[in-house]
């Protein structure tokens, strides 16, 4: 988990998620989707919500993770209008299948 609750160690944080979500298979089989999973747990006493992201480095790199966390932050702040337009995944697949020449990459 990227950030632990204040005053709580990693083991306690993990135990909290397990108690809220039950046993979650935290292994990722790269042969099948999804390579990114998110789990949300609410803490009734404080009204806080926690997000645990489980992903494989084949699907999410540092730049993608940073972008995703920035978008989550905007959503938390009620600033959805500042998010860029979404691109359907099928468009990424189509672009990958069509291929791009080396000159265009450069």
C-alpha atoms as a PDB file:
ATOM      1  CA  UNK A   1       0.000   0.000   0.000  1.00  0.00           C
ATOM      2  CA  UNK A   2       1.318   3.389  -0.937  1.00  0.00           C
ATOM      3  CA  UNK A   3       0.452   5.243   2.259  1.00  0.00           C
ATOM      4  CA  UNK A   4      -0.290   3.882   5.708  1.00  0.00           C
ATOM      5  CA  UNK A   5      -2.866   5.391   8.050  1.00  0.00           C
ATOM      6  CA  UNK A   6      -1.369   7.911  10.445  1.00  0.00           C
ATOM      7  CA  UNK A   7      -0.042   6.275  13.590  1.00  0.00           C
ATOM      8  CA  UNK A   8      -0.587   2.772  12.257  1.00  0.00           C
ATOM      9  CA  UNK A   9       2.148   0.427  11.099  1.00  0.00           C
ATOM     10  CA  UNK A  10       2.112  -1.551   7.861  1.00  0.00           C
ATOM     11  CA  UNK A  11       1.067  -4.794   9.589  1.00  0.00           C
ATOM     12  CA  UNK A  12      -1.905  -3.115  11.276  1.00  0.00           C
ATOM     13  CA  UNK A  13      -2.856  -1.444   7.996  1.00  0.00           C
ATOM     14  CA  UNK A  14      -2.806  -4.781   6.192  1.00  0.00           C
ATOM     15  CA  UNK A  15      -4.850  -6.375   8.988  1.00  0.00           C
ATOM     16  CA  UNK A  16      -7.434  -3.594   8.675  1.00  0.00           C
ATOM     17  CA  UNK A  17      -7.840  -4.231   4.942  1.00  0.00           C
ATOM     18  CA  UNK A  18      -8.075  -7.972   5.459  1.00  0.00           C
ATOM     19  CA  UNK A  19     -10.767  -7.444   8.108  1.00  0.00           C
ATOM     20  CA  UNK A  20     -12.752  -5.141   5.807  1.00  0.00           C
ATOM     21  CA  UNK A  21     -12.340  -7.081   2.576  1.00  0.00           C
ATOM     22  CA  UNK A  22     -11.743 -10.633   3.698  1.00  0.00           C
ATOM     23  CA  UNK A  23      -9.003 -12.704   2.171  1.00  0.00           C
ATOM     24  CA  UNK A  24      -8.026 -11.251  -1.185  1.00  0.00           C
ATOM     25  CA  UNK A  25      -5.845 -13.172  -3.593  1.00  0.00           C
ATOM     26  CA  UNK A  26      -2.910 -10.795  -3.893  1.00  0.00           C
ATOM     27  CA  UNK A  27      -1.176 -12.723  -6.644  1.00  0.00           C
ATOM     28  CA  UNK A  28      -1.492 -11.559 -10.220  1.00  0.00           C
ATOM     29  CA  UNK A  29      -1.545 -14.018 -13.089  1.00  0.00           C
ATOM     30  CA  UNK A  30      -0.042 -12.076 -16.000  1.00  0.00           C
ATOM     31  CA  UNK A  31      -1.713 -14.444 -18.466  1.00  0.00           C
ATOM     32  CA  UNK A  32      -5.170 -13.011 -17.805  1.00  0.00           C
ATOM     33  CA  UNK A  33      -6.856  -9.739 -16.939  1.00  0.00           C
ATOM     34  CA  UNK A  34      -7.010  -7.780 -14.762  1.00  0.00           C
ATOM     35  CA  UNK A  35      -3.447  -6.676 -14.126  1.00  0.00           C
ATOM     36  CA  UNK A  36      -4.778  -3.860 -11.948  1.00  0.00           C
ATOM     37  CA  UNK A  37      -7.229  -4.258  -9.079  1.00  0.00           C
ATOM     38  CA  UNK A  38      -8.486  -1.744  -6.562  1.00  0.00           C
ATOM     39  CA  UNK A  39     -10.027  -2.442  -3.169  1.00  0.00           C
ATOM     40  CA  UNK A  40     -11.857   0.160  -1.098  1.00  0.00           C
ATOM     41  CA  UNK A  41     -12.483  -0.045   2.636  1.00  0.00           C
ATOM     42  CA  UNK A  42     -14.404   2.444   4.757  1.00  0.00           C
ATOM     43  CA  UNK A  43     -13.525   3.207   8.361  1.00  0.00           C
ATOM     44  CA  UNK A  44     -16.869   3.927  10.027  1.00  0.00           C
ATOM     45  CA  UNK A  45     -15.380   5.593  13.117  1.00  0.00           C
ATOM     46  CA  UNK A  46     -13.609   8.317  11.117  1.00  0.00           C
ATOM     47  CA  UNK A  47     -15.538   8.339   7.845  1.00  0.00           C
ATOM     48  CA  UNK A  48     -12.289   7.761   5.979  1.00  0.00           C
ATOM     49  CA  UNK A  49     -12.078   5.605   2.892  1.00  0.00           C
ATOM     50  CA  UNK A  50      -8.945   3.709   1.931  1.00  0.00           C
ATOM     51  CA  UNK A  51      -7.919   2.476  -1.479  1.00  0.00           C
ATOM     52  CA  UNK A  52      -5.558  -0.427  -1.926  1.00  0.00           C
ATOM     53  CA  UNK A  53      -4.185  -0.842  -5.440  1.00  0.00           C
ATOM     54  CA  UNK A  54      -2.794  -4.155  -6.575  1.00  0.00           C
ATOM     55  CA  UNK A  55      -1.053  -4.096  -9.926  1.00  0.00           C
ATOM     56  CA  UNK A  56       1.686  -5.746 -11.924  1.00  0.00           C
ATOM     57  CA  UNK A  57       4.585  -3.663 -13.207  1.00  0.00           C
ATOM     58  CA  UNK A  58       3.827  -4.923 -16.717  1.00  0.00           C
ATOM     59  CA  UNK A  59       0.594  -2.913 -16.645  1.00  0.00           C
ATOM     60  CA  UNK A  60       1.477   0.113 -14.529  1.00  0.00           C
ATOM     61  CA  UNK A  61       4.779   1.964 -14.516  1.00  0.00           C
ATOM     62  CA  UNK A  62       5.832   4.897 -12.320  1.00  0.00           C
ATOM     63  CA  UNK A  63       4.409   7.490 -14.712  1.00  0.00           C
ATOM     64  CA  UNK A  64       1.054   5.723 -15.025  1.00  0.00           C
ATOM     65  CA  UNK A  65       0.825   5.290 -11.237  1.00  0.00           C
ATOM     66  CA  UNK A  66       1.590   8.963 -10.667  1.00  0.00           C
ATOM     67  CA  UNK A  67      -1.087   9.967 -13.202  1.00  0.00           C
ATOM     68  CA  UNK A  68      -3.623   7.624 -11.639  1.00  0.00           C
ATOM     69  CA  UNK A  69      -2.948   9.000  -8.141  1.00  0.00           C
ATOM     70  CA  UNK A  70      -3.304  12.571  -9.411  1.00  0.00           C
ATOM     71  CA  UNK A  71      -6.661  11.673 -10.975  1.00  0.00           C
ATOM     72  CA  UNK A  72      -7.827  10.009  -7.756  1.00  0.00           C
ATOM     73  CA  UNK A  73      -6.832  13.152  -5.865  1.00  0.00           C
ATOM     74  CA  UNK A  74      -8.894  15.321  -8.233  1.00  0.00           C
ATOM     75  CA  UNK A  75     -11.900  13.047  -7.730  1.00  0.00           C
ATOM     76  CA  UNK A  76     -11.502  13.242  -3.941  1.00  0.00           C
ATOM     77  CA  UNK A  77     -11.476  17.010  -4.144  1.00  0.00           C
ATOM     78  CA  UNK A  78     -14.610  17.119  -6.319  1.00  0.00           C
ATOM     79  CA  UNK A  79     -12.628  18.495  -9.275  1.00  0.00           C
ATOM     80  CA  UNK A  80     -13.769  15.947 -11.905  1.00  0.00           C
ATOM     81  CA  UNK A  81     -14.091  18.703 -14.515  1.00  0.00           C
ATOM     82  CA  UNK A  82     -10.286  19.039 -14.532  1.00  0.00           C
ATOM     83  CA  UNK A  83      -9.801  15.438 -15.652  1.00  0.00           C
ATOM     84  CA  UNK A  84      -8.830  14.945 -19.264  1.00  0.00           C
ATOM     85  CA  UNK A  85     -11.075  13.089 -21.680  1.00  0.00           C
ATOM     86  CA  UNK A  86     -11.075   9.318 -21.381  1.00  0.00           C
ATOM     87  CA  UNK A  87      -9.789   7.133 -24.186  1.00  0.00           C
ATOM     88  CA  UNK A  88     -11.443   3.753 -24.749  1.00  0.00           C
ATOM     89  CA  UNK A  89      -9.052   0.845 -24.221  1.00  0.00           C
ATOM     90  CA  UNK A  90      -9.997  -0.520 -27.651  1.00  0.00           C
ATOM     91  CA  UNK A  91      -8.343   2.564 -29.167  1.00  0.00           C
ATOM     92  CA  UNK A  92      -5.041   1.710 -27.470  1.00  0.00           C
ATOM     93  CA  UNK A  93      -5.331  -1.862 -28.740  1.00  0.00           C
ATOM     94  CA  UNK A  94      -6.048  -0.662 -32.276  1.00  0.00           C
ATOM     95  CA  UNK A  95      -3.034   1.667 -32.212  1.00  0.00           C
ATOM     96  CA  UNK A  96      -0.780  -1.118 -30.928  1.00  0.00           C
ATOM     97  CA  UNK A  97      -1.991  -3.549 -33.592  1.00  0.00           C
ATOM     98  CA  UNK A  98      -1.566  -1.059 -36.430  1.00  0.00           C
ATOM     99  CA  UNK A  99       2.020  -0.443 -35.440  1.00  0.00           C
ATOM    100  CA  UNK A 100       4.034   2.743 -35.659  1.00  0.00           C
ATOM    101  CA  UNK A 101       7.211   3.199 -37.629  1.00  0.00           C
ATOM    102  CA  UNK A 102      10.522   3.991 -35.951  1.00  0.00           C
ATOM    103  CA  UNK A 103      10.598   7.470 -37.523  1.00  0.00           C
ATOM    104  CA  UNK A 104       7.210   8.328 -35.990  1.00  0.00           C
ATOM    105  CA  UNK A 105       8.399   7.164 -32.556  1.00  0.00           C
ATOM    106  CA  UNK A 106      11.470   9.364 -32.830  1.00  0.00           C
END
